[in-house]
Protein backbone atom coordinates (compact mmCIF):
# COMPACT_ATOMS: atom_id res chain seq x y z
CA MET A 1 -3.55 3.56 -26.03
CA LYS A 2 -3.61 6.22 -23.34
CA LEU A 3 -5.74 6.28 -20.19
CA ASP A 4 -7.04 9.65 -19.03
CA VAL A 5 -8.19 9.78 -15.40
CA SER A 6 -10.65 12.52 -14.58
CA ASP A 7 -13.18 13.47 -11.94
CA ILE A 8 -11.56 11.63 -9.01
CA ARG A 9 -14.05 11.56 -6.13
CA PHE A 10 -14.18 10.05 -2.68
CA SER A 11 -17.25 8.39 -1.21
CA ALA A 12 -18.45 8.29 2.38
CA SER A 13 -18.43 4.49 2.11
CA GLY A 14 -14.62 4.44 1.81
CA TYR A 15 -13.86 4.37 -1.93
CA ALA A 16 -12.06 6.56 -4.43
CA PHE A 17 -13.62 6.46 -7.87
CA ALA A 18 -13.00 8.13 -11.20
CA THR A 19 -13.95 8.28 -14.84
CA ILE A 20 -11.35 6.66 -17.10
CA GLU A 21 -11.29 7.47 -20.81
CA VAL A 22 -9.42 5.16 -23.16
CA LEU A 23 -7.89 7.33 -25.86
CA GLY A 24 -6.72 5.96 -29.18
CA GLU A 25 -3.72 7.24 -31.09
CA LYS A 26 -5.64 8.45 -34.15
CA TYR A 27 -8.77 9.94 -32.59
CA ARG A 28 -9.34 12.91 -30.33
CA LEU A 29 -12.47 11.41 -28.81
CA PRO A 30 -12.28 8.53 -26.32
CA VAL A 31 -12.61 5.02 -27.70
CA CYS A 32 -14.46 4.04 -24.52
CA THR A 33 -15.21 5.33 -21.05
CA MET A 34 -15.29 3.30 -17.85
CA TYR A 35 -15.76 3.93 -14.17
CA VAL A 36 -13.27 2.48 -11.71
CA SER A 37 -13.21 2.41 -7.91
CA ILE A 38 -10.64 1.37 -5.32
CA PRO A 39 -10.71 1.32 -1.50
CA LEU A 40 -9.47 4.43 0.32
CA VAL A 41 -6.11 4.11 2.06
CA GLU A 42 -5.15 6.55 4.80
CA GLY A 43 -2.23 8.80 3.90
CA ARG A 44 -2.38 8.21 0.13
CA SER A 45 -2.02 11.34 -2.05
CA LEU A 46 -4.24 12.30 -4.98
CA GLU A 47 -1.43 11.37 -7.42
CA GLN A 48 -1.14 7.94 -5.80
CA TYR A 49 -4.89 7.43 -6.20
CA LYS A 50 -4.62 8.47 -9.85
CA GLY A 51 -1.91 5.86 -10.43
CA LYS A 52 -3.86 3.13 -8.62
CA LEU A 53 -7.05 3.97 -10.55
CA GLN A 54 -5.11 3.74 -13.84
CA GLU A 55 -3.65 0.40 -12.74
CA GLU A 56 -7.13 -0.92 -11.92
CA ALA A 57 -8.41 0.25 -15.33
CA ARG A 58 -5.50 -1.46 -17.14
CA GLU A 59 -6.22 -4.71 -15.31
CA ARG A 60 -9.90 -4.49 -16.22
CA ILE A 61 -9.09 -3.75 -19.89
CA ALA A 62 -6.68 -6.73 -19.99
CA GLU A 63 -9.36 -8.97 -18.48
CA ILE A 64 -11.95 -7.83 -21.04
CA TYR A 65 -9.43 -8.37 -23.85
CA LYS A 66 -8.60 -11.90 -22.64
CA GLU A 67 -12.28 -12.80 -22.38
CA THR A 68 -12.95 -11.49 -25.88
CA VAL A 69 -9.94 -13.19 -27.50
CA ASN A 70 -10.54 -16.52 -25.74
CA GLU A 71 -14.24 -16.50 -26.61
CA HIS A 72 -13.71 -15.78 -30.31
CA CYS A 73 -10.33 -17.44 -30.89
CA PRO A 74 -9.87 -20.36 -28.48
CA GLU A 75 -6.63 -21.34 -30.21
CA HIS A 76 -5.12 -18.02 -29.05
CA SER A 77 -5.55 -18.67 -25.35
CA LEU A 78 -3.79 -16.13 -23.16
């Protein structure tokens, strides 16, 4: 799985947000798309924001996965 960060924007309310596409290995089209936001930090570069947005997306994907697995397979608790 690969995460593609695009369209990084900054809001007047103090957040950086972006579109994250989850790309599979076999398909050229994204498996899913999500929107992620993080608070702005003074002095952070665009590349640092990209990394933090990817990290936030990974955490959200892991949380969704855990919820799905635990709901459907309680014996496989994570």
